[in-house]
């Protein structure tokens, strides 16, 4: 389970409830969501961040 714990444009913070690890994503100038360190386990955290931003209307469907 992942949840967004912080949002301060362009930064989005997502925390894993199971491991308490926090992922830091940034919204790029083109609306894309990026992660500074490429990691194999960031997929679910990235999807949680994108769902959060989609609900806010921050990113476009094309960027997702």
C-alpha atoms as a PDB file:
ATOM      1  CA  UNK A   1       0.000   0.000   0.000  1.00  0.00           C
ATOM      2  CA  UNK A   2       1.285   3.384  -0.993  1.00  0.00           C
ATOM      3  CA  UNK A   3      -0.005   6.791  -0.044  1.00  0.00           C
ATOM      4  CA  UNK A   4       0.952  10.318  -0.991  1.00  0.00           C
ATOM      5  CA  UNK A   5       2.275  11.986   2.142  1.00  0.00           C
ATOM      6  CA  UNK A   6       3.321  15.312   0.688  1.00  0.00           C
ATOM      7  CA  UNK A   7       2.852  17.528  -2.328  1.00  0.00           C
ATOM      8  CA  UNK A   8       4.671  20.786  -2.940  1.00  0.00           C
ATOM      9  CA  UNK A   9       4.820  21.443  -6.674  1.00  0.00           C
ATOM     10  CA  UNK A  10       6.899  20.047  -8.366  1.00  0.00           C
ATOM     11  CA  UNK A  11       7.628  17.505  -5.626  1.00  0.00           C
ATOM     12  CA  UNK A  12       5.430  14.542  -4.696  1.00  0.00           C
ATOM     13  CA  UNK A  13       6.278  12.239  -1.784  1.00  0.00           C
ATOM     14  CA  UNK A  14       4.844   8.730  -1.632  1.00  0.00           C
ATOM     15  CA  UNK A  15       5.283   6.436   1.363  1.00  0.00           C
ATOM     16  CA  UNK A  16       5.052   2.657   1.459  1.00  0.00           C
ATOM     17  CA  UNK A  17       2.991   1.691   4.509  1.00  0.00           C
ATOM     18  CA  UNK A  18       4.603  -1.736   4.738  1.00  0.00           C
ATOM     19  CA  UNK A  19       8.270  -0.662   4.688  1.00  0.00           C
ATOM     20  CA  UNK A  20       7.936   3.037   5.638  1.00  0.00           C
ATOM     21  CA  UNK A  21      10.152   3.882   2.653  1.00  0.00           C
ATOM     22  CA  UNK A  22       9.464   7.258   1.043  1.00  0.00           C
ATOM     23  CA  UNK A  23       9.761   7.879  -2.689  1.00  0.00           C
ATOM     24  CA  UNK A  24      10.384  11.363  -4.079  1.00  0.00           C
ATOM     25  CA  UNK A  25       8.997  12.171  -7.528  1.00  0.00           C
ATOM     26  CA  UNK A  26       9.119  15.418  -9.500  1.00  0.00           C
ATOM     27  CA  UNK A  27       6.715  16.806 -12.055  1.00  0.00           C
ATOM     28  CA  UNK A  28       8.685  17.794 -15.147  1.00  0.00           C
ATOM     29  CA  UNK A  29       8.060  20.898 -17.238  1.00  0.00           C
ATOM     30  CA  UNK A  30       6.306  18.682 -19.797  1.00  0.00           C
ATOM     31  CA  UNK A  31       3.958  17.255 -17.148  1.00  0.00           C
ATOM     32  CA  UNK A  32       5.757  13.934 -16.813  1.00  0.00           C
ATOM     33  CA  UNK A  33       6.443  12.349 -13.453  1.00  0.00           C
ATOM     34  CA  UNK A  34      10.102  11.536 -12.837  1.00  0.00           C
ATOM     35  CA  UNK A  35      12.084   9.848 -10.093  1.00  0.00           C
ATOM     36  CA  UNK A  36      15.691  10.841  -9.425  1.00  0.00           C
ATOM     37  CA  UNK A  37      16.936   7.313  -8.787  1.00  0.00           C
ATOM     38  CA  UNK A  38      15.737   4.697 -11.246  1.00  0.00           C
ATOM     39  CA  UNK A  39      14.610   1.727  -9.150  1.00  0.00           C
ATOM     40  CA  UNK A  40      12.878  -1.487 -10.001  1.00  0.00           C
ATOM     41  CA  UNK A  41      10.374  -1.211  -7.136  1.00  0.00           C
ATOM     42  CA  UNK A  42       9.048   2.290  -7.816  1.00  0.00           C
ATOM     43  CA  UNK A  43       6.214   1.228 -10.153  1.00  0.00           C
ATOM     44  CA  UNK A  44       3.445   1.003  -7.555  1.00  0.00           C
ATOM     45  CA  UNK A  45       4.629   4.191  -5.834  1.00  0.00           C
ATOM     46  CA  UNK A  46       4.668   6.010  -9.186  1.00  0.00           C
ATOM     47  CA  UNK A  47       1.142   4.812  -9.961  1.00  0.00           C
ATOM     48  CA  UNK A  48      -0.039   6.103  -6.561  1.00  0.00           C
ATOM     49  CA  UNK A  49       1.547   9.498  -7.268  1.00  0.00           C
ATOM     50  CA  UNK A  50      -0.012   9.637 -10.735  1.00  0.00           C
ATOM     51  CA  UNK A  51      -3.456   8.741  -9.378  1.00  0.00           C
ATOM     52  CA  UNK A  52      -3.137  11.491  -6.762  1.00  0.00           C
ATOM     53  CA  UNK A  53      -2.093  14.073  -9.361  1.00  0.00           C
ATOM     54  CA  UNK A  54      -4.833  12.930 -11.726  1.00  0.00           C
ATOM     55  CA  UNK A  55      -7.421  13.552  -9.010  1.00  0.00           C
ATOM     56  CA  UNK A  56      -5.977  17.047  -8.568  1.00  0.00           C
ATOM     57  CA  UNK A  57      -5.983  17.592 -12.325  1.00  0.00           C
ATOM     58  CA  UNK A  58      -2.240  18.390 -12.243  1.00  0.00           C
ATOM     59  CA  UNK A  59      -1.104  16.127 -15.056  1.00  0.00           C
ATOM     60  CA  UNK A  60      -2.698  15.452 -18.384  1.00  0.00           C
ATOM     61  CA  UNK A  61      -3.808  12.056 -19.627  1.00  0.00           C
ATOM     62  CA  UNK A  62      -1.191  12.294 -22.395  1.00  0.00           C
ATOM     63  CA  UNK A  63       1.636  12.578 -19.847  1.00  0.00           C
ATOM     64  CA  UNK A  64       0.529   9.430 -18.047  1.00  0.00           C
END
